[in-house]
Amino acid sequence: MNNNFVSLIGYQLEKIHTGVIRWMLDSKNTNVSVETKYKILRRMFNMTKNPINFQIHEISAISCFPEYSFGRKRKIDLVVKIDLFQKPAKYIVIEMKVDSLPYSAQLEGTKNDFFESTHCQPEDATFILMLFGSSQVCEVPELHQFHLFRLFEIIEVFNGLPIEDVIYKQWIDSLFEEENRRIDILADLDVAPDIWNMEYWKDKGYRTPFPLFYYLYDHLKMKSKRSKEWEIYSGQNNPVMNWTNGALHKDILGHPVKFYWEFNYDEFVLKVRLNEDNKLPQDQLNWLREEIAKICFEEVQSGKRTKKTYGKFNSIYKWKFDFHKQPFEAIMKKVDRILDKIPPVLSSI
């Protein structure tokens, strides 16, 4: 078992990372020197491409507010207030995520509410979104002036500091361990007893099942000739890697529908979204399934029909892969062939 306190409590908890950063920066912690605190701040500002505009001797105090509340509206993970002797205070507003992402509206609301509650000038506030885990490989929302720090940038900011405390050392170690999991996941997959053996993955520090598949998808998409056309995110019931250029809007028997393509776990699926205001009836959806199944099999001689479910989002046809036994190059070569052949035919129906 890993004896690192971050692993024992839970790397996936944003409060862990909030707490350590607060511990390093707040003036109340005199175990971390003012010089080191300033070095962290300078690195943060440099990472945003906006060099720090105050000197160490100008700092009166640094106060950190975890779960900073904007009345009853919302909370932000950490606000760092830097009081200066003869200048307005500077603020660093930090949202932290590990295996999920905020909505764009959340970031915009946080920014607007912060300015409304503090009345500080825009030049005195810096907004940062830190992604500590599998969220770093997922689709990023519109940032609304937040600066994006993926794990590599976070490590660049905090690594190599003259802090001897075990809190700092174990936290930094946990960041490197997470980055190594992202990089080395295919090597870990090669020696896994089975991709669905969740105890194996948990013993190696992976969070399962969604974050595990986000990291797998990040490697998988790079084997596609369409590598820049895939987005990774969470579906309602499964991890998703969506082909972004695959949306096809059609009128089927007088009803608008949208075809799209995505991976769910280790299955590649052609789906259709129905319009709730003018919904394709179930019997006509079943007819459409049969027609598309014929097209898919005629074009690529593989795959199979899906269950005849009926809802807003419906699977139409799918291809099952084995991420454990099949090379990712072979999987994406087949997927690229499917996407070369079937979408042009779908466009003509």
Protein backbone atom coordinates (compact mmCIF):
# COMPACT_ATOMS: atom_id res chain seq x y z
CA MET A 1 0.00 0.00 0.00
CA ASN A 2 1.19 3.52 -0.81
CA ASN A 3 2.02 5.36 2.44
CA ASN A 4 1.80 8.81 0.84
CA PHE A 5 -0.83 10.79 2.78
CA VAL A 6 -2.31 12.14 -0.47
CA SER A 7 -2.95 8.61 -1.74
CA LEU A 8 -4.29 7.47 1.64
CA ILE A 9 -6.80 10.31 1.88
CA GLY A 10 -7.58 10.47 -1.84
CA TYR A 11 -5.73 12.20 -4.67
CA GLN A 12 -9.09 12.81 -6.34
CA LEU A 13 -10.20 15.21 -3.57
CA GLU A 14 -9.71 18.84 -4.56
CA LYS A 15 -9.51 19.74 -0.87
CA ILE A 16 -6.17 17.93 -0.61
CA HIS A 17 -4.57 20.16 -3.25
CA THR A 18 -6.32 23.28 -1.95
CA GLY A 19 -5.04 22.58 1.54
CA VAL A 20 -1.41 22.06 0.54
CA ILE A 21 -1.27 25.17 -1.66
CA ARG A 22 -2.88 27.20 1.12
CA TRP A 23 -0.36 25.77 3.60
CA MET A 24 2.54 26.84 1.40
CA LEU A 25 1.34 30.36 0.61
CA ASP A 26 -0.47 31.70 3.67
CA SER A 27 1.58 34.07 5.83
CA LYS A 28 0.41 32.22 8.95
CA ASN A 29 2.66 29.31 7.97
CA THR A 30 6.11 30.58 8.88
CA ASN A 31 7.70 27.20 8.12
CA VAL A 32 7.70 28.24 4.45
CA SER A 33 9.84 31.33 3.95
CA VAL A 34 8.56 34.54 2.41
CA GLU A 35 11.18 34.08 -0.31
CA THR A 36 9.70 30.68 -1.21
CA LYS A 37 6.16 32.03 -1.19
CA TYR A 38 7.24 34.80 -3.54
CA LYS A 39 8.96 32.28 -5.81
CA ILE A 40 5.68 30.35 -6.08
CA LEU A 41 3.76 33.53 -6.90
CA ARG A 42 6.33 34.58 -9.48
CA ARG A 43 6.15 31.17 -11.16
CA MET A 44 2.35 31.33 -11.22
CA PHE A 45 2.35 34.74 -12.86
CA ASN A 46 5.02 33.70 -15.35
CA MET A 47 2.95 30.66 -16.29
CA THR A 48 0.06 32.98 -17.17
CA LYS A 49 2.41 35.01 -19.42
CA ASN A 50 1.83 38.02 -17.15
CA PRO A 51 5.04 38.63 -15.18
CA ILE A 52 4.60 39.51 -11.52
CA ASN A 53 4.30 43.28 -11.05
CA PHE A 54 5.25 43.67 -7.40
CA GLN A 55 8.42 42.98 -5.44
CA ILE A 56 8.85 40.80 -2.38
CA HIS A 57 9.43 43.79 -0.08
CA GLU A 58 6.04 45.23 -1.12
CA ILE A 59 4.12 42.29 0.37
CA SER A 60 2.34 43.02 3.65
CA ALA A 61 0.60 39.63 4.02
CA ILE A 62 -0.67 36.66 2.03
CA SER A 63 -4.04 35.28 3.07
CA CYS A 64 -5.61 32.14 1.61
CA PHE A 65 -9.35 31.48 1.66
CA PRO A 66 -10.39 27.91 0.79
CA GLU A 67 -13.94 27.40 -0.48
CA TYR A 68 -14.29 31.16 -0.84
CA SER A 69 -18.00 31.92 -0.82
CA PHE A 70 -19.86 34.47 -2.93
CA GLY A 71 -22.85 34.75 -0.61
CA ARG A 72 -25.18 31.87 -1.40
CA LYS A 73 -24.37 31.86 -5.08
CA ARG A 74 -21.24 29.75 -5.45
CA LYS A 75 -17.87 28.81 -3.98
CA ILE A 76 -14.39 28.82 -5.46
CA ASP A 77 -11.75 26.34 -4.30
CA LEU A 78 -9.11 28.88 -3.26
CA VAL A 79 -8.65 32.63 -3.27
CA VAL A 80 -5.17 33.95 -2.52
CA LYS A 81 -5.14 37.59 -1.40
CA ILE A 82 -1.78 39.38 -1.53
CA ASP A 83 -1.90 42.58 0.50
CA LEU A 84 0.67 45.18 -0.57
CA PHE A 85 1.91 48.13 1.47
CA GLN A 86 1.25 50.93 -1.01
CA LYS A 87 -0.73 49.29 -3.82
CA PRO A 88 -4.13 47.65 -4.13
CA ALA A 89 -4.26 44.01 -3.09
CA LYS A 90 -3.70 41.34 -5.74
CA TYR A 91 -5.87 38.24 -5.97
CA ILE A 92 -5.29 34.79 -7.42
CA VAL A 93 -8.57 32.94 -7.88
CA ILE A 94 -8.07 29.20 -8.33
CA GLU A 95 -10.55 26.53 -9.40
CA MET A 96 -9.16 23.01 -8.99
CA LYS A 97 -10.36 19.86 -10.72
CA VAL A 98 -9.04 16.30 -10.74
CA ASP A 99 -11.28 14.05 -12.82
CA SER A 100 -14.03 16.45 -13.88
CA LEU A 101 -14.29 19.85 -15.52
CA PRO A 102 -16.36 22.93 -14.67
CA TYR A 103 -18.95 24.14 -17.11
CA SER A 104 -18.10 27.27 -19.05
CA ALA A 105 -20.98 29.08 -17.35
CA GLN A 106 -19.49 28.18 -13.96
CA LEU A 107 -16.18 29.81 -14.84
CA GLU A 108 -17.88 32.90 -16.24
CA GLY A 109 -20.12 33.15 -13.17
CA THR A 110 -17.17 32.77 -10.83
CA LYS A 111 -15.30 35.57 -12.56
CA ASN A 112 -18.28 37.92 -12.57
CA ASP A 113 -19.29 37.16 -8.99
CA PHE A 114 -15.74 37.65 -7.76
CA PHE A 115 -15.48 41.13 -9.26
CA GLU A 116 -18.93 41.99 -7.93
CA SER A 117 -18.09 40.85 -4.39
CA THR A 118 -14.58 42.33 -4.10
CA HIS A 119 -14.89 45.41 -6.35
CA CYS A 120 -11.25 44.91 -7.35
CA GLN A 121 -10.00 46.05 -10.72
CA PRO A 122 -9.53 43.45 -13.50
CA GLU A 123 -5.76 44.04 -13.55
CA ASP A 124 -5.59 43.05 -9.85
CA ALA A 125 -7.13 39.58 -10.23
CA THR A 126 -5.69 36.49 -11.91
CA PHE A 127 -7.92 33.47 -12.55
CA ILE A 128 -6.44 29.97 -12.81
CA LEU A 129 -8.02 26.59 -13.57
CA MET A 130 -5.77 23.80 -12.29
CA LEU A 131 -6.33 20.29 -13.66
CA PHE A 132 -4.66 17.69 -11.45
CA GLY A 133 -5.86 14.42 -12.97
CA SER A 134 -7.61 12.91 -15.96
CA SER A 135 -9.47 16.18 -16.50
CA GLN A 136 -6.28 17.43 -18.18
CA VAL A 137 -6.94 15.20 -21.22
CA CYS A 138 -10.65 16.06 -21.47
CA GLU A 139 -12.48 18.64 -23.52
CA VAL A 140 -11.81 22.07 -22.02
CA PRO A 141 -14.70 24.55 -21.81
CA GLU A 142 -14.49 28.19 -22.79
CA LEU A 143 -12.24 29.65 -20.08
CA HIS A 144 -13.52 33.23 -19.65
CA GLN A 145 -10.12 34.68 -18.67
CA PHE A 146 -9.10 31.67 -16.57
CA HIS A 147 -5.55 30.52 -17.29
CA LEU A 148 -5.30 26.76 -17.77
CA PHE A 149 -2.68 24.86 -15.77
CA ARG A 150 -2.52 21.17 -16.60
CA LEU A 151 -0.55 18.89 -14.30
CA PHE A 152 2.73 19.55 -16.10
CA GLU A 153 2.37 23.29 -15.50
CA ILE A 154 1.33 22.73 -11.88
CA ILE A 155 4.49 20.69 -11.32
CA GLU A 156 6.54 23.44 -12.98
CA VAL A 157 5.13 25.95 -10.50
CA PHE A 158 5.62 23.94 -7.32
CA ASN A 159 8.51 21.53 -7.91
CA GLY A 160 12.03 22.07 -6.58
CA LEU A 161 11.18 24.41 -3.73
CA PRO A 162 13.36 24.58 -0.58
CA ILE A 163 10.66 23.08 1.65
CA GLU A 164 11.73 20.15 3.80
CA ASP A 165 8.36 19.34 5.34
CA VAL A 166 6.93 15.89 4.56
CA ILE A 167 3.63 17.52 3.55
CA TYR A 168 5.29 19.21 0.60
CA LYS A 169 7.47 16.25 -0.35
CA GLN A 170 4.64 13.73 -0.39
CA TRP A 171 2.32 16.09 -2.25
CA ILE A 172 4.92 16.74 -4.98
CA ASP A 173 5.58 13.00 -5.18
CA SER A 174 1.85 12.41 -5.70
CA LEU A 175 1.81 14.88 -8.62
CA PHE A 176 4.68 13.07 -10.33
CA GLU A 177 2.99 9.71 -9.68
CA GLU A 178 -0.18 10.95 -11.37
CA GLU A 179 1.73 12.29 -14.36
CA ASN A 180 3.52 8.96 -14.66
CA ARG A 181 0.19 7.14 -14.61
CA ARG A 182 -0.98 9.23 -17.56
CA ILE A 183 2.22 8.57 -19.50
CA ASP A 184 2.71 4.90 -18.58
CA ILE A 185 -0.86 3.61 -18.72
CA LEU A 186 -0.24 1.50 -21.84
CA ALA A 187 2.67 -0.26 -20.13
CA ASP A 188 0.41 -0.94 -17.16
CA LEU A 189 -2.27 -2.18 -19.55
CA ASP A 190 0.16 -4.64 -21.15
CA VAL A 191 0.72 -6.46 -17.85
CA ALA A 192 -2.83 -6.13 -16.52
CA PRO A 193 -4.62 -9.45 -15.89
CA ASP A 194 -7.68 -7.90 -17.53
CA ILE A 195 -8.77 -4.38 -18.39
CA TRP A 196 -11.83 -4.82 -16.16
CA ASN A 197 -9.81 -5.95 -13.12
CA MET A 198 -10.45 -2.77 -11.16
CA GLU A 199 -8.46 -3.91 -8.12
CA TYR A 200 -5.36 -4.12 -10.31
CA TRP A 201 -5.84 -0.54 -11.49
CA LYS A 202 -6.67 0.79 -8.03
CA ASP A 203 -3.52 -0.83 -6.61
CA LYS A 204 -1.54 1.21 -9.15
CA GLY A 205 -3.27 4.42 -8.11
CA TYR A 206 -5.74 4.81 -11.00
CA ARG A 207 -9.27 6.02 -10.32
CA THR A 208 -11.83 3.80 -12.00
CA PRO A 209 -13.58 3.43 -14.28
CA PHE A 210 -14.08 6.85 -15.98
CA PRO A 211 -10.64 8.43 -15.29
CA LEU A 212 -8.93 5.19 -16.33
CA PHE A 213 -10.62 5.31 -19.72
CA TYR A 214 -9.95 9.03 -20.15
CA TYR A 215 -6.22 8.28 -20.01
CA LEU A 216 -6.63 5.28 -22.34
CA TYR A 217 -8.58 7.41 -24.80
CA ASP A 218 -5.85 10.05 -24.74
CA HIS A 219 -3.39 7.46 -26.07
CA LEU A 220 -5.94 5.85 -28.37
CA LYS A 221 -6.83 9.02 -30.27
CA MET A 222 -3.18 9.65 -31.09
CA LYS A 223 -3.20 6.47 -33.21
CA SER A 224 -5.92 7.87 -35.47
CA LYS A 225 -5.26 9.79 -38.66
CA ARG A 226 -8.00 12.04 -37.24
CA SER A 227 -6.11 12.52 -33.97
CA LYS A 228 -7.16 16.16 -33.58
CA GLU A 229 -10.83 15.39 -34.20
CA TRP A 230 -11.57 13.57 -30.94
CA GLU A 231 -12.84 14.99 -27.66
CA ILE A 232 -12.90 13.17 -24.33
CA TYR A 233 -15.56 13.81 -21.70
CA SER A 234 -18.07 12.18 -19.37
CA GLY A 235 -21.38 10.91 -20.64
CA GLN A 236 -24.30 10.29 -18.32
CA ASN A 237 -23.44 6.63 -17.83
CA ASN A 238 -20.04 6.11 -19.42
CA PRO A 239 -16.77 7.74 -20.49
CA VAL A 240 -16.92 9.21 -23.99
CA MET A 241 -14.49 9.88 -26.82
CA ASN A 242 -16.49 11.67 -29.49
CA TRP A 243 -15.55 12.20 -33.14
CA THR A 244 -16.07 15.95 -33.36
CA ASN A 245 -16.44 16.06 -37.15
CA GLY A 246 -19.04 13.31 -37.17
CA ALA A 247 -22.24 15.21 -36.42
CA LEU A 248 -24.72 14.73 -39.26
CA HIS A 249 -28.12 16.41 -39.19
CA LYS A 250 -30.79 14.71 -41.30
CA ASP A 251 -34.53 14.73 -41.83
CA ILE A 252 -35.90 11.20 -41.51
CA LEU A 253 -39.53 10.77 -42.54
CA GLY A 254 -40.25 14.36 -41.53
CA HIS A 255 -38.39 14.20 -38.22
CA PRO A 256 -35.05 15.94 -37.53
CA VAL A 257 -32.32 13.66 -36.17
CA LYS A 258 -28.61 13.96 -35.49
CA PHE A 259 -26.16 11.12 -36.14
CA TYR A 260 -22.89 11.06 -34.22
CA TRP A 261 -20.00 8.71 -33.42
CA GLU A 262 -18.29 7.96 -30.12
CA PHE A 263 -16.42 5.47 -28.01
CA ASN A 264 -18.20 4.31 -24.86
CA TYR A 265 -15.72 2.32 -22.80
CA ASP A 266 -14.23 -0.08 -25.40
CA GLU A 267 -17.12 0.04 -27.89
CA PHE A 268 -17.28 2.33 -30.91
CA VAL A 269 -20.89 3.34 -31.48
CA LEU A 270 -22.94 5.09 -34.14
CA LYS A 271 -25.74 6.93 -32.36
CA VAL A 272 -28.73 9.06 -33.22
CA ARG A 273 -30.22 11.89 -31.20
CA LEU A 274 -33.93 12.46 -31.62
CA ASN A 275 -35.65 15.83 -31.47
CA GLU A 276 -37.97 15.82 -28.44
CA ASP A 277 -40.26 18.40 -30.05
CA ASN A 278 -40.73 16.32 -33.22
CA LYS A 279 -39.68 12.86 -32.15
CA LEU A 280 -39.19 10.04 -34.61
CA PRO A 281 -41.66 7.30 -33.54
CA GLN A 282 -40.24 4.08 -32.16
CA ASP A 283 -41.34 1.90 -35.07
CA GLN A 284 -39.67 4.30 -37.51
CA LEU A 285 -36.52 4.30 -35.37
CA ASN A 286 -36.48 0.50 -35.54
CA TRP A 287 -36.82 0.73 -39.32
CA LEU A 288 -33.93 3.23 -39.38
CA ARG A 289 -31.84 0.84 -37.28
CA GLU A 290 -32.34 -1.94 -39.79
CA GLU A 291 -31.49 0.28 -42.75
CA ILE A 292 -28.32 1.58 -41.12
CA ALA A 293 -27.31 -1.91 -39.99
CA LYS A 294 -27.44 -3.02 -43.64
CA ILE A 295 -25.31 -0.05 -44.71
CA CYS A 296 -22.72 -0.61 -41.98
CA PHE A 297 -22.30 -4.30 -42.64
CA GLU A 298 -22.19 -3.87 -46.41
CA GLU A 299 -19.49 -1.22 -46.11
CA VAL A 300 -17.16 -2.78 -43.54
CA GLN A 301 -18.41 -6.38 -42.96
CA SER A 302 -18.19 -6.05 -39.17
CA GLY A 303 -20.03 -4.74 -36.14
CA LYS A 304 -23.47 -5.59 -34.87
CA ARG A 305 -26.91 -4.21 -34.20
CA THR A 306 -27.75 -2.66 -30.85
CA LYS A 307 -30.68 -3.27 -28.53
CA LYS A 308 -33.90 -1.63 -29.64
CA THR A 309 -34.07 1.00 -26.93
CA TYR A 310 -36.03 4.20 -27.43
CA GLY A 311 -35.15 7.58 -25.98
CA LYS A 312 -33.56 10.89 -26.81
CA PHE A 313 -30.14 9.28 -27.38
CA ASN A 314 -30.08 5.93 -29.15
CA SER A 315 -27.31 3.54 -30.13
CA ILE A 316 -27.78 2.30 -33.69
CA TYR A 317 -24.77 0.12 -34.52
CA LYS A 318 -21.55 -0.71 -32.70
CA TRP A 319 -18.13 -2.31 -32.94
CA LYS A 320 -16.65 -4.04 -29.90
CA PHE A 321 -12.89 -3.81 -29.33
CA ASP A 322 -10.55 -5.37 -26.78
CA PHE A 323 -8.25 -2.64 -25.47
CA HIS A 324 -6.25 -5.25 -23.57
CA LYS A 325 -5.49 -7.61 -26.45
CA GLN A 326 -5.72 -5.43 -29.56
CA PRO A 327 -2.98 -2.87 -30.37
CA PHE A 328 -4.29 0.67 -30.34
CA GLU A 329 -2.87 1.20 -33.83
CA ALA A 330 -5.01 -1.67 -35.14
CA ILE A 331 -8.12 -0.42 -33.36
CA MET A 332 -7.87 3.09 -34.77
CA LYS A 333 -6.94 1.85 -38.22
CA LYS A 334 -10.25 -0.01 -38.26
CA VAL A 335 -12.12 2.97 -36.82
CA ASP A 336 -10.63 5.27 -39.46
CA ARG A 337 -11.72 2.82 -42.16
CA ILE A 338 -15.25 2.81 -40.73
CA LEU A 339 -15.30 6.61 -40.77
CA ASP A 340 -13.93 6.71 -44.30
CA LYS A 341 -16.71 4.49 -45.61
CA ILE A 342 -19.94 4.89 -43.66
CA PRO A 343 -20.49 8.66 -43.09
CA PRO A 344 -20.55 9.45 -46.84
CA VAL A 345 -23.25 6.82 -47.33
CA LEU A 346 -25.24 8.10 -44.34
CA SER A 347 -25.22 11.56 -45.90
CA SER A 348 -27.09 10.22 -48.90
CA ILE A 349 -29.99 8.51 -47.09
